[in-house]
PDB file of all heavy atoms in Angstrom:
ATOM      1  N   LEU A   1      -9.946 -24.959   9.973  1.00  0.00           N
ATOM      2  CA  LEU A   1     -10.614 -25.034  11.259  1.00  0.00           C
ATOM      3  C   LEU A   1     -11.932 -24.201  11.246  1.00  0.00           C
ATOM      4  O   LEU A   1     -12.952 -24.686  11.642  1.00  0.00           O
ATOM      5  CB  LEU A   1      -9.649 -24.529  12.301  1.00  0.00           C
ATOM      6  CG  LEU A   1     -10.130 -24.534  13.762  1.00  0.00           C
ATOM      7  CD1 LEU A   1     -10.074 -25.948  14.347  1.00  0.00           C
ATOM      8  CD2 LEU A   1      -9.231 -23.689  14.618  1.00  0.00           C
ATOM      9  N   LEU A   2     -11.791 -22.940  10.698  1.00  0.00           N
ATOM     10  CA  LEU A   2     -12.906 -22.078  10.681  1.00  0.00           C
ATOM     11  C   LEU A   2     -13.911 -22.393   9.605  1.00  0.00           C
ATOM     12  O   LEU A   2     -15.144 -22.356   9.855  1.00  0.00           O
ATOM     13  CB  LEU A   2     -12.424 -20.654  10.477  1.00  0.00           C
ATOM     14  CG  LEU A   2     -11.642 -20.006  11.608  1.00  0.00           C
ATOM     15  CD1 LEU A   2     -10.829 -18.804  11.213  1.00  0.00           C
ATOM     16  CD2 LEU A   2     -12.602 -19.702  12.839  1.00  0.00           C
ATOM     17  N   CYS A   3     -13.433 -22.855   8.495  1.00  0.00           N
ATOM     18  CA  CYS A   3     -14.322 -23.198   7.335  1.00  0.00           C
ATOM     19  C   CYS A   3     -15.220 -24.412   7.673  1.00  0.00           C
ATOM     20  O   CYS A   3     -16.440 -24.484   7.360  1.00  0.00           O
ATOM     21  CB  CYS A   3     -13.476 -23.533   6.069  1.00  0.00           C
ATOM     22  SG  CYS A   3     -12.854 -22.095   5.316  1.00  0.00           S
ATOM     23  N   ARG A   4     -14.669 -25.448   8.304  1.00  0.00           N
ATOM     24  CA  ARG A   4     -15.326 -26.598   8.615  1.00  0.00           C
ATOM     25  C   ARG A   4     -16.536 -26.240   9.627  1.00  0.00           C
ATOM     26  O   ARG A   4     -17.622 -26.848   9.528  1.00  0.00           O
ATOM     27  CB  ARG A   4     -14.536 -27.640   9.322  1.00  0.00           C
ATOM     28  CG  ARG A   4     -13.536 -28.375   8.385  1.00  0.00           C
ATOM     29  CD  ARG A   4     -12.687 -29.321   9.189  1.00  0.00           C
ATOM     30  NE  ARG A   4     -11.622 -29.919   8.401  1.00  0.00           N
ATOM     31  CZ  ARG A   4     -11.705 -31.062   7.753  1.00  0.00           C
ATOM     32  NH1 ARG A   4     -12.847 -31.699   7.712  1.00  0.00           N
ATOM     33  NH2 ARG A   4     -10.713 -31.469   6.973  1.00  0.00           N
ATOM     34  N   ALA A   5     -16.297 -25.301  10.445  1.00  0.00           N
ATOM     35  CA  ALA A   5     -17.325 -24.878  11.407  1.00  0.00           C
ATOM     36  C   ALA A   5     -18.273 -23.861  10.819  1.00  0.00           C
ATOM     37  O   ALA A   5     -19.182 -23.388  11.510  1.00  0.00           O
ATOM     38  CB  ALA A   5     -16.678 -24.233  12.648  1.00  0.00           C
ATOM     39  N   GLY A   6     -18.099 -23.536   9.567  1.00  0.00           N
ATOM     40  CA  GLY A   6     -19.017 -22.533   8.901  1.00  0.00           C
ATOM     41  C   GLY A   6     -18.723 -21.126   9.127  1.00  0.00           C
ATOM     42  O   GLY A   6     -19.515 -20.230   8.719  1.00  0.00           O
ATOM     43  N   ARG A   7     -17.615 -20.784   9.845  1.00  0.00           N
ATOM     44  CA  ARG A   7     -17.254 -19.375  10.116  1.00  0.00           C
ATOM     45  C   ARG A   7     -16.372 -18.876   8.972  1.00  0.00           C
ATOM     46  O   ARG A   7     -15.206 -18.618   9.069  1.00  0.00           O
ATOM     47  CB  ARG A   7     -16.453 -19.387  11.431  1.00  0.00           C
ATOM     48  CG  ARG A   7     -17.390 -19.788  12.619  1.00  0.00           C
ATOM     49  CD  ARG A   7     -16.691 -20.183  13.929  1.00  0.00           C
ATOM     50  NE  ARG A   7     -15.958 -19.141  14.534  1.00  0.00           N
ATOM     51  CZ  ARG A   7     -15.401 -19.162  15.804  1.00  0.00           C
ATOM     52  NH1 ARG A   7     -15.630 -20.314  16.482  1.00  0.00           N
ATOM     53  NH2 ARG A   7     -14.730 -18.240  16.270  1.00  0.00           N
ATOM     54  N   LEU A   8     -17.015 -18.755   7.855  1.00  0.00           N
ATOM     55  CA  LEU A   8     -16.370 -18.461   6.556  1.00  0.00           C
ATOM     56  C   LEU A   8     -15.820 -17.004   6.547  1.00  0.00           C
ATOM     57  O   LEU A   8     -14.722 -16.839   5.977  1.00  0.00           O
ATOM     58  CB  LEU A   8     -17.313 -18.715   5.370  1.00  0.00           C
ATOM     59  CG  LEU A   8     -17.942 -20.078   5.339  1.00  0.00           C
ATOM     60  CD1 LEU A   8     -18.937 -20.229   4.210  1.00  0.00           C
ATOM     61  CD2 LEU A   8     -16.809 -21.152   5.134  1.00  0.00           C
ATOM     62  N   GLU A   9     -16.541 -16.078   6.994  1.00  0.00           N
ATOM     63  CA  GLU A   9     -16.016 -14.703   6.990  1.00  0.00           C
ATOM     64  C   GLU A   9     -14.779 -14.543   7.826  1.00  0.00           C
ATOM     65  O   GLU A   9     -13.867 -13.815   7.528  1.00  0.00           O
ATOM     66  CB  GLU A   9     -17.116 -13.730   7.436  1.00  0.00           C
ATOM     67  CG  GLU A   9     -18.258 -13.523   6.502  1.00  0.00           C
ATOM     68  CD  GLU A   9     -17.749 -12.913   5.139  1.00  0.00           C
ATOM     69  OE1 GLU A   9     -16.779 -12.200   5.146  1.00  0.00           O
ATOM     70  OE2 GLU A   9     -18.485 -13.147   4.136  1.00  0.00           O
ATOM     71  N   GLU A  10     -14.759 -15.235   9.025  1.00  0.00           N
ATOM     72  CA  GLU A  10     -13.562 -15.165   9.877  1.00  0.00           C
ATOM     73  C   GLU A  10     -12.391 -15.862   9.149  1.00  0.00           C
ATOM     74  O   GLU A  10     -11.250 -15.393   9.234  1.00  0.00           O
ATOM     75  CB  GLU A  10     -13.856 -15.969  11.170  1.00  0.00           C
ATOM     76  CG  GLU A  10     -14.771 -15.261  12.069  1.00  0.00           C
ATOM     77  CD  GLU A  10     -15.034 -16.080  13.371  1.00  0.00           C
ATOM     78  OE1 GLU A  10     -14.082 -16.231  14.183  1.00  0.00           O
ATOM     79  OE2 GLU A  10     -16.172 -16.570  13.552  1.00  0.00           O
ATOM     80  N   ALA A  11     -12.718 -16.875   8.407  1.00  0.00           N
ATOM     81  CA  ALA A  11     -11.599 -17.620   7.628  1.00  0.00           C
ATOM     82  C   ALA A  11     -11.048 -16.642   6.591  1.00  0.00           C
ATOM     83  O   ALA A  11      -9.815 -16.631   6.347  1.00  0.00           O
ATOM     84  CB  ALA A  11     -12.170 -18.846   6.978  1.00  0.00           C
ATOM     85  N   LYS A  12     -11.896 -15.910   5.923  1.00  0.00           N
ATOM     86  CA  LYS A  12     -11.442 -14.932   4.887  1.00  0.00           C
ATOM     87  C   LYS A  12     -10.619 -13.843   5.617  1.00  0.00           C
ATOM     88  O   LYS A  12      -9.600 -13.379   5.005  1.00  0.00           O
ATOM     89  CB  LYS A  12     -12.683 -14.258   4.181  1.00  0.00           C
ATOM     90  CG  LYS A  12     -12.196 -13.314   3.029  1.00  0.00           C
ATOM     91  CD  LYS A  12     -13.365 -12.727   2.355  1.00  0.00           C
ATOM     92  CE  LYS A  12     -12.933 -11.713   1.359  1.00  0.00           C
ATOM     93  NZ  LYS A  12     -12.271 -10.541   1.910  1.00  0.00           N
ATOM     94  N   ASN A  13     -11.028 -13.402   6.807  1.00  0.00           N
ATOM     95  CA  ASN A  13     -10.235 -12.394   7.500  1.00  0.00           C
ATOM     96  C   ASN A  13      -8.859 -12.849   7.801  1.00  0.00           C
ATOM     97  O   ASN A  13      -7.864 -12.151   7.683  1.00  0.00           O
ATOM     98  CB  ASN A  13     -10.966 -12.016   8.762  1.00  0.00           C
ATOM     99  CG  ASN A  13     -12.214 -11.139   8.508  1.00  0.00           C
ATOM    100  OD1 ASN A  13     -12.312 -10.544   7.420  1.00  0.00           O
ATOM    101  ND2 ASN A  13     -13.181 -11.112   9.447  1.00  0.00           N
ATOM    102  N   VAL A  14      -8.767 -14.173   8.191  1.00  0.00           N
ATOM    103  CA  VAL A  14      -7.455 -14.753   8.454  1.00  0.00           C
ATOM    104  C   VAL A  14      -6.567 -14.687   7.217  1.00  0.00           C
ATOM    105  O   VAL A  14      -5.371 -14.378   7.237  1.00  0.00           O
ATOM    106  CB  VAL A  14      -7.576 -16.198   8.986  1.00  0.00           C
ATOM    107  CG1 VAL A  14      -6.215 -16.891   9.021  1.00  0.00           C
ATOM    108  CG2 VAL A  14      -8.179 -16.275  10.352  1.00  0.00           C
ATOM    109  N   ILE A  15      -7.212 -15.017   6.072  1.00  0.00           N
ATOM    110  CA  ILE A  15      -6.439 -15.091   4.783  1.00  0.00           C
ATOM    111  C   ILE A  15      -5.995 -13.663   4.455  1.00  0.00           C
ATOM    112  O   ILE A  15      -4.838 -13.482   3.983  1.00  0.00           O
ATOM    113  CB  ILE A  15      -7.329 -15.662   3.703  1.00  0.00           C
ATOM    114  CG1 ILE A  15      -7.710 -17.105   3.915  1.00  0.00           C
ATOM    115  CG2 ILE A  15      -6.678 -15.519   2.323  1.00  0.00           C
ATOM    116  CD1 ILE A  15      -8.719 -17.681   2.987  1.00  0.00           C
ATOM    117  N   ASP A  16      -6.903 -12.700   4.612  1.00  0.00           N
ATOM    118  CA  ASP A  16      -6.518 -11.284   4.296  1.00  0.00           C
ATOM    119  C   ASP A  16      -5.351 -10.764   5.166  1.00  0.00           C
ATOM    120  O   ASP A  16      -4.630  -9.894   4.712  1.00  0.00           O
ATOM    121  CB  ASP A  16      -7.777 -10.389   4.511  1.00  0.00           C
ATOM    122  CG  ASP A  16      -8.816 -10.722   3.397  1.00  0.00           C
ATOM    123  OD1 ASP A  16      -8.526 -11.216   2.396  1.00  0.00           O
ATOM    124  OD2 ASP A  16     -10.035 -10.380   3.668  1.00  0.00           O
ATOM    125  N   LYS A  17      -5.205 -11.288   6.335  1.00  0.00           N
ATOM    126  CA  LYS A  17      -4.244 -10.742   7.257  1.00  0.00           C
ATOM    127  C   LYS A  17      -2.901 -11.554   7.307  1.00  0.00           C
ATOM    128  O   LYS A  17      -2.032 -11.270   8.046  1.00  0.00           O
ATOM    129  CB  LYS A  17      -4.750 -10.701   8.703  1.00  0.00           C
ATOM    130  CG  LYS A  17      -5.897  -9.658   8.849  1.00  0.00           C
ATOM    131  CD  LYS A  17      -6.511  -9.668  10.226  1.00  0.00           C
ATOM    132  CE  LYS A  17      -7.643  -8.596  10.371  1.00  0.00           C
ATOM    133  NZ  LYS A  17      -8.259  -8.673  11.674  1.00  0.00           N
ATOM    134  N   MET A  18      -2.881 -12.617   6.502  1.00  0.00           N
ATOM    135  CA  MET A  18      -1.684 -13.427   6.442  1.00  0.00           C
ATOM    136  C   MET A  18      -0.491 -12.635   5.938  1.00  0.00           C
ATOM    137  O   MET A  18      -0.622 -11.790   5.046  1.00  0.00           O
ATOM    138  CB  MET A  18      -1.903 -14.600   5.482  1.00  0.00           C
ATOM    139  CG  MET A  18      -2.703 -15.718   6.005  1.00  0.00           C
ATOM    140  SD  MET A  18      -3.171 -16.960   4.684  1.00  0.00           S
ATOM    141  CE  MET A  18      -1.545 -17.356   4.004  1.00  0.00           C
ATOM    142  N   PRO A  19       0.697 -12.828   6.592  1.00  0.00           N
ATOM    143  CA  PRO A  19       1.899 -12.011   6.159  1.00  0.00           C
ATOM    144  C   PRO A  19       2.505 -12.461   4.850  1.00  0.00           C
ATOM    145  O   PRO A  19       3.301 -11.844   4.288  1.00  0.00           O
ATOM    146  CB  PRO A  19       2.926 -12.266   7.313  1.00  0.00           C
ATOM    147  CG  PRO A  19       2.439 -13.569   7.900  1.00  0.00           C
ATOM    148  CD  PRO A  19       0.946 -13.667   7.679  1.00  0.00           C
ATOM    149  N   MET A  20       1.995 -13.639   4.346  1.00  0.00           N
ATOM    150  CA  MET A  20       2.458 -14.146   3.009  1.00  0.00           C
ATOM    151  C   MET A  20       1.334 -14.210   2.076  1.00  0.00           C
ATOM    152  O   MET A  20       0.183 -14.257   2.522  1.00  0.00           O
ATOM    153  CB  MET A  20       3.257 -15.488   3.147  1.00  0.00           C
ATOM    154  CG  MET A  20       2.348 -16.647   3.487  1.00  0.00           C
ATOM    155  SD  MET A  20       1.872 -16.735   5.297  1.00  0.00           S
ATOM    156  CE  MET A  20       3.363 -17.110   6.054  1.00  0.00           C
ATOM    157  N   LYS A  21       1.634 -14.341   0.812  1.00  0.00           N
ATOM    158  CA  LYS A  21       0.563 -14.503  -0.175  1.00  0.00           C
ATOM    159  C   LYS A  21      -0.149 -15.851  -0.089  1.00  0.00           C
ATOM    160  O   LYS A  21       0.584 -16.882  -0.075  1.00  0.00           O
ATOM    161  CB  LYS A  21       1.166 -14.355  -1.596  1.00  0.00           C
ATOM    162  CG  LYS A  21       0.099 -14.331  -2.686  1.00  0.00           C
ATOM    163  CD  LYS A  21       0.768 -14.130  -4.092  1.00  0.00           C
ATOM    164  CE  LYS A  21      -0.324 -14.160  -5.214  1.00  0.00           C
ATOM    165  NZ  LYS A  21       0.339 -13.912  -6.533  1.00  0.00           N
ATOM    166  N   PRO A  22      -1.443 -15.881  -0.015  1.00  0.00           N
ATOM    167  CA  PRO A  22      -2.129 -17.206   0.096  1.00  0.00           C
ATOM    168  C   PRO A  22      -1.881 -17.988  -1.131  1.00  0.00           C
ATOM    169  O   PRO A  22      -1.868 -17.508  -2.246  1.00  0.00           O
ATOM    170  CB  PRO A  22      -3.642 -16.758   0.228  1.00  0.00           C
ATOM    171  CG  PRO A  22      -3.646 -15.360   0.479  1.00  0.00           C
ATOM    172  CD  PRO A  22      -2.365 -14.725  -0.030  1.00  0.00           C
ATOM    173  N   ASN A  23      -1.720 -19.359  -0.923  1.00  0.00           N
ATOM    174  CA  ASN A  23      -1.583 -20.208  -2.092  1.00  0.00           C
ATOM    175  C   ASN A  23      -2.902 -20.904  -2.532  1.00  0.00           C
ATOM    176  O   ASN A  23      -3.937 -20.595  -1.889  1.00  0.00           O
ATOM    177  CB  ASN A  23      -0.484 -21.268  -1.774  1.00  0.00           C
ATOM    178  CG  ASN A  23      -0.868 -22.122  -0.603  1.00  0.00           C
ATOM    179  OD1 ASN A  23      -2.018 -22.181  -0.138  1.00  0.00           O
ATOM    180  ND2 ASN A  23       0.110 -22.900  -0.105  1.00  0.00           N
ATOM    181  N   GLU A  24      -2.815 -21.687  -3.475  1.00  0.00           N
ATOM    182  CA  GLU A  24      -3.986 -22.323  -4.024  1.00  0.00           C
ATOM    183  C   GLU A  24      -4.710 -23.180  -2.966  1.00  0.00           C
ATOM    184  O   GLU A  24      -5.934 -23.216  -2.901  1.00  0.00           O
ATOM    185  CB  GLU A  24      -3.633 -23.229  -5.162  1.00  0.00           C
ATOM    186  CG  GLU A  24      -4.806 -23.923  -5.849  1.00  0.00           C
ATOM    187  CD  GLU A  24      -4.251 -25.017  -6.905  1.00  0.00           C
ATOM    188  OE1 GLU A  24      -3.072 -24.842  -7.345  1.00  0.00           O
ATOM    189  OE2 GLU A  24      -4.993 -25.919  -7.171  1.00  0.00           O
ATOM    190  N   ILE A  25      -3.966 -23.864  -2.116  1.00  0.00           N
ATOM    191  CA  ILE A  25      -4.500 -24.714  -1.135  1.00  0.00           C
ATOM    192  C   ILE A  25      -5.342 -23.921  -0.123  1.00  0.00           C
ATOM    193  O   ILE A  25      -6.482 -24.381   0.314  1.00  0.00           O
ATOM    194  CB  ILE A  25      -3.447 -25.472  -0.345  1.00  0.00           C
ATOM    195  CG1 ILE A  25      -2.686 -26.437  -1.274  1.00  0.00           C
ATOM    196  CG2 ILE A  25      -4.017 -26.280   0.771  1.00  0.00           C
ATOM    197  CD1 ILE A  25      -1.469 -27.120  -0.703  1.00  0.00           C
ATOM    198  N   ILE A  26      -4.890 -22.732   0.304  1.00  0.00           N
ATOM    199  CA  ILE A  26      -5.619 -21.871   1.171  1.00  0.00           C
ATOM    200  C   ILE A  26      -7.007 -21.496   0.591  1.00  0.00           C
ATOM    201  O   ILE A  26      -8.085 -21.671   1.274  1.00  0.00           O
ATOM    202  CB  ILE A  26      -4.862 -20.589   1.485  1.00  0.00           C
ATOM    203  CG1 ILE A  26      -3.550 -20.907   2.214  1.00  0.00           C
ATOM    204  CG2 ILE A  26      -5.666 -19.602   2.338  1.00  0.00           C
ATOM    205  CD1 ILE A  26      -3.670 -21.227   3.727  1.00  0.00           C
ATOM    206  N   TRP A  27      -6.978 -21.052  -0.648  1.00  0.00           N
ATOM    207  CA  TRP A  27      -8.201 -20.650  -1.288  1.00  0.00           C
ATOM    208  C   TRP A  27      -9.129 -21.809  -1.476  1.00  0.00           C
ATOM    209  O   TRP A  27     -10.400 -21.675  -1.420  1.00  0.00           O
ATOM    210  CB  TRP A  27      -7.910 -19.893  -2.602  1.00  0.00           C
ATOM    211  CG  TRP A  27      -7.313 -18.502  -2.407  1.00  0.00           C
ATOM    212  CD1 TRP A  27      -6.075 -18.124  -2.831  1.00  0.00           C
ATOM    213  CD2 TRP A  27      -7.959 -17.359  -1.753  1.00  0.00           C
ATOM    214  NE1 TRP A  27      -5.836 -16.842  -2.408  1.00  0.00           N
ATOM    215  CE2 TRP A  27      -6.996 -16.314  -1.822  1.00  0.00           C
ATOM    216  CE3 TRP A  27      -9.180 -17.167  -1.126  1.00  0.00           C
ATOM    217  CZ2 TRP A  27      -7.303 -15.107  -1.253  1.00  0.00           C
ATOM    218  CZ3 TRP A  27      -9.467 -15.948  -0.647  1.00  0.00           C
ATOM    219  CH2 TRP A  27      -8.559 -14.944  -0.674  1.00  0.00           C
ATOM    220  N   MET A  28      -8.547 -22.947  -1.769  1.00  0.00           N
ATOM    221  CA  MET A  28      -9.376 -24.199  -2.038  1.00  0.00           C
ATOM    222  C   MET A  28     -10.062 -24.603  -0.681  1.00  0.00           C
ATOM    223  O   MET A  28     -11.215 -25.103  -0.795  1.00  0.00           O
ATOM    224  CB  MET A  28      -8.566 -25.347  -2.587  1.00  0.00           C
ATOM    225  CG  MET A  28      -8.185 -25.149  -4.009  1.00  0.00           C
ATOM    226  SD  MET A  28      -9.642 -25.396  -5.138  1.00  0.00           S
ATOM    227  CE  MET A  28      -9.888 -27.149  -5.028  1.00  0.00           C
ATOM    228  N   SER A  29      -9.434 -24.345   0.416  1.00  0.00           N
ATOM    229  CA  SER A  29     -10.024 -24.680   1.695  1.00  0.00           C
ATOM    230  C   SER A  29     -11.321 -23.773   1.922  1.00  0.00           C
ATOM    231  O   SER A  29     -12.321 -24.215   2.353  1.00  0.00           O
ATOM    232  CB  SER A  29      -9.077 -24.401   2.807  1.00  0.00           C
ATOM    233  OG  SER A  29      -8.034 -25.393   2.847  1.00  0.00           O
ATOM    234  N   LEU A  30     -11.128 -22.480   1.552  1.00  0.00           N
ATOM    235  CA  LEU A  30     -12.255 -21.559   1.696  1.00  0.00           C
ATOM    236  C   LEU A  30     -13.370 -21.959   0.745  1.00  0.00           C
ATOM    237  O   LEU A  30     -14.572 -22.043   1.068  1.00  0.00           O
ATOM    238  CB  LEU A  30     -11.814 -20.118   1.463  1.00  0.00           C
ATOM    239  CG  LEU A  30     -12.879 -19.041   1.580  1.00  0.00           C
ATOM    240  CD1 LEU A  30     -13.507 -19.072   2.985  1.00  0.00           C
ATOM    241  CD2 LEU A  30     -12.375 -17.693   1.222  1.00  0.00           C
ATOM    242  N   LEU A  31     -12.961 -22.348  -0.503  1.00  0.00           N
ATOM    243  CA  LEU A  31     -13.962 -22.753  -1.490  1.00  0.00           C
ATOM    244  C   LEU A  31     -14.741 -24.039  -1.045  1.00  0.00           C
ATOM    245  O   LEU A  31     -15.941 -24.103  -1.176  1.00  0.00           O
ATOM    246  CB  LEU A  31     -13.277 -23.023  -2.829  1.00  0.00           C
ATOM    247  CG  LEU A  31     -14.166 -23.435  -4.017  1.00  0.00           C
ATOM    248  CD1 LEU A  31     -15.290 -22.429  -4.279  1.00  0.00           C
ATOM    249  CD2 LEU A  31     -13.302 -23.635  -5.258  1.00  0.00           C
ATOM    250  N   SER A  32     -13.918 -24.990  -0.506  1.00  0.00           N
ATOM    251  CA  SER A  32     -14.626 -26.207   0.034  1.00  0.00           C
ATOM    252  C   SER A  32     -15.615 -25.905   1.153  1.00  0.00           C
ATOM    253  O   SER A  32     -16.633 -26.478   1.262  1.00  0.00           O
ATOM    254  CB  SER A  32     -13.480 -27.098   0.567  1.00  0.00           C
ATOM    255  OG  SER A  32     -14.073 -28.322   0.927  1.00  0.00           O
ATOM    256  N   GLY A  33     -15.180 -24.976   2.072  1.00  0.00           N
ATOM    257  CA  GLY A  33     -16.066 -24.543   3.163  1.00  0.00           C
ATOM    258  C   GLY A  33     -17.377 -23.938   2.569  1.00  0.00           C
ATOM    259  O   GLY A  33     -18.467 -24.167   3.088  1.00  0.00           O
ATOM    260  N   CYS A  34     -17.163 -23.148   1.543  1.00  0.00           N
ATOM    261  CA  CYS A  34     -18.366 -22.533   0.865  1.00  0.00           C
ATOM    262  C   CYS A  34     -19.262 -23.564   0.241  1.00  0.00           C
ATOM    263  O   CYS A  34     -20.498 -23.447   0.251  1.00  0.00           O
ATOM    264  CB  CYS A  34     -17.900 -21.527  -0.152  1.00  0.00           C
ATOM    265  SG  CYS A  34     -17.064 -20.012   0.533  1.00  0.00           S
ATOM    266  N   ARG A  35     -18.661 -24.598  -0.396  1.00  0.00           N
ATOM    267  CA  ARG A  35     -19.487 -25.645  -0.865  1.00  0.00           C
ATOM    268  C   ARG A  35     -20.252 -26.417   0.201  1.00  0.00           C
ATOM    269  O   ARG A  35     -21.455 -26.673   0.117  1.00  0.00           O
ATOM    270  CB  ARG A  35     -18.499 -26.668  -1.551  1.00  0.00           C
ATOM    271  CG  ARG A  35     -19.276 -27.675  -2.403  1.00  0.00           C
ATOM    272  CD  ARG A  35     -19.194 -29.207  -2.017  1.00  0.00           C
ATOM    273  NE  ARG A  35     -18.306 -29.599  -1.024  1.00  0.00           N
ATOM    274  CZ  ARG A  35     -17.434 -30.624  -1.246  1.00  0.00           C
ATOM    275  NH1 ARG A  35     -17.350 -31.132  -2.380  1.00  0.00           N
ATOM    276  NH2 ARG A  35     -16.680 -30.949  -0.274  1.00  0.00           N
ATOM    277  N   ASN A  36     -19.621 -26.741   1.320  1.00  0.00           N
ATOM    278  CA  ASN A  36     -20.295 -27.388   2.390  1.00  0.00           C
ATOM    279  C   ASN A  36     -21.387 -26.581   3.105  1.00  0.00           C
ATOM    280  O   ASN A  36     -22.323 -27.186   3.618  1.00  0.00           O
ATOM    281  CB  ASN A  36     -19.229 -27.825   3.500  1.00  0.00           C
ATOM    282  CG  ASN A  36     -18.282 -28.898   2.943  1.00  0.00           C
ATOM    283  OD1 ASN A  36     -18.497 -29.548   1.999  1.00  0.00           O
ATOM    284  ND2 ASN A  36     -17.041 -28.940   3.571  1.00  0.00           N
ATOM    285  N   HIS A  37     -21.184 -25.264   3.099  1.00  0.00           N
ATOM    286  CA  HIS A  37     -22.162 -24.417   3.819  1.00  0.00           C
ATOM    287  C   HIS A  37     -22.978 -23.505   2.837  1.00  0.00           C
ATOM    288  O   HIS A  37     -23.699 -22.656   3.326  1.00  0.00           O
ATOM    289  CB  HIS A  37     -21.430 -23.534   4.842  1.00  0.00           C
ATOM    290  CG  HIS A  37     -20.811 -24.392   5.901  1.00  0.00           C
ATOM    291  ND1 HIS A  37     -21.412 -24.902   6.982  1.00  0.00           N
ATOM    292  CD2 HIS A  37     -19.440 -24.776   6.048  1.00  0.00           C
ATOM    293  CE1 HIS A  37     -20.622 -25.595   7.694  1.00  0.00           C
ATOM    294  NE2 HIS A  37     -19.401 -25.549   7.227  1.00  0.00           N
ATOM    295  N   GLY A  38     -22.844 -23.787   1.566  1.00  0.00           N
ATOM    296  CA  GLY A  38     -23.765 -23.172   0.591  1.00  0.00           C
ATOM    297  C   GLY A  38     -23.595 -21.669   0.408  1.00  0.00           C
ATOM    298  O   GLY A  38     -24.554 -20.905   0.123  1.00  0.00           O
ATOM    299  N   ASN A  39     -22.395 -21.133   0.556  1.00  0.00           N
ATOM    300  CA  ASN A  39     -22.191 -19.667   0.409  1.00  0.00           C
ATOM    301  C   ASN A  39     -21.656 -19.400  -1.003  1.00  0.00           C
ATOM    302  O   ASN A  39     -20.518 -19.620  -1.361  1.00  0.00           O
ATOM    303  CB  ASN A  39     -21.056 -19.237   1.401  1.00  0.00           C
ATOM    304  CG  ASN A  39     -21.007 -17.725   1.526  1.00  0.00           C
ATOM    305  OD1 ASN A  39     -21.018 -17.047   0.464  1.00  0.00           O
ATOM    306  ND2 ASN A  39     -20.856 -17.179   2.680  1.00  0.00           N
ATOM    307  N   ILE A  40     -22.613 -18.947  -1.879  1.00  0.00           N
ATOM    308  CA  ILE A  40     -22.245 -18.767  -3.275  1.00  0.00           C
ATOM    309  C   ILE A  40     -21.345 -17.615  -3.558  1.00  0.00           C
ATOM    310  O   ILE A  40     -20.354 -17.789  -4.270  1.00  0.00           O
ATOM    311  CB  ILE A  40     -23.585 -18.601  -4.116  1.00  0.00           C
ATOM    312  CG1 ILE A  40     -24.467 -19.827  -3.992  1.00  0.00           C
ATOM    313  CG2 ILE A  40     -23.266 -18.313  -5.563  1.00  0.00           C
ATOM    314  CD1 ILE A  40     -25.851 -19.622  -4.580  1.00  0.00           C
ATOM    315  N   ASP A  41     -21.599 -16.461  -2.910  1.00  0.00           N
ATOM    316  CA  ASP A  41     -20.812 -15.241  -3.233  1.00  0.00           C
ATOM    317  C   ASP A  41     -19.384 -15.455  -2.751  1.00  0.00           C
ATOM    318  O   ASP A  41     -18.451 -15.169  -3.570  1.00  0.00           O
ATOM    319  CB  ASP A  41     -21.390 -14.038  -2.446  1.00  0.00           C
ATOM    320  CG  ASP A  41     -22.779 -13.593  -3.025  1.00  0.00           C
ATOM    321  OD1 ASP A  41     -23.053 -14.035  -4.215  1.00  0.00           O
ATOM    322  OD2 ASP A  41     -23.547 -12.942  -2.282  1.00  0.00           O
TER     323      ASP A  41
END
């Protein structure tokens, strides 16, 4: 939800605060958002 809207840092904060270990799909969502919004770092 946050990645599609370009709110990538908020998305990363959600991941960092998850009570369980993020899986590959979670990180791929963030990576896809970075691709769509051009965030290299």
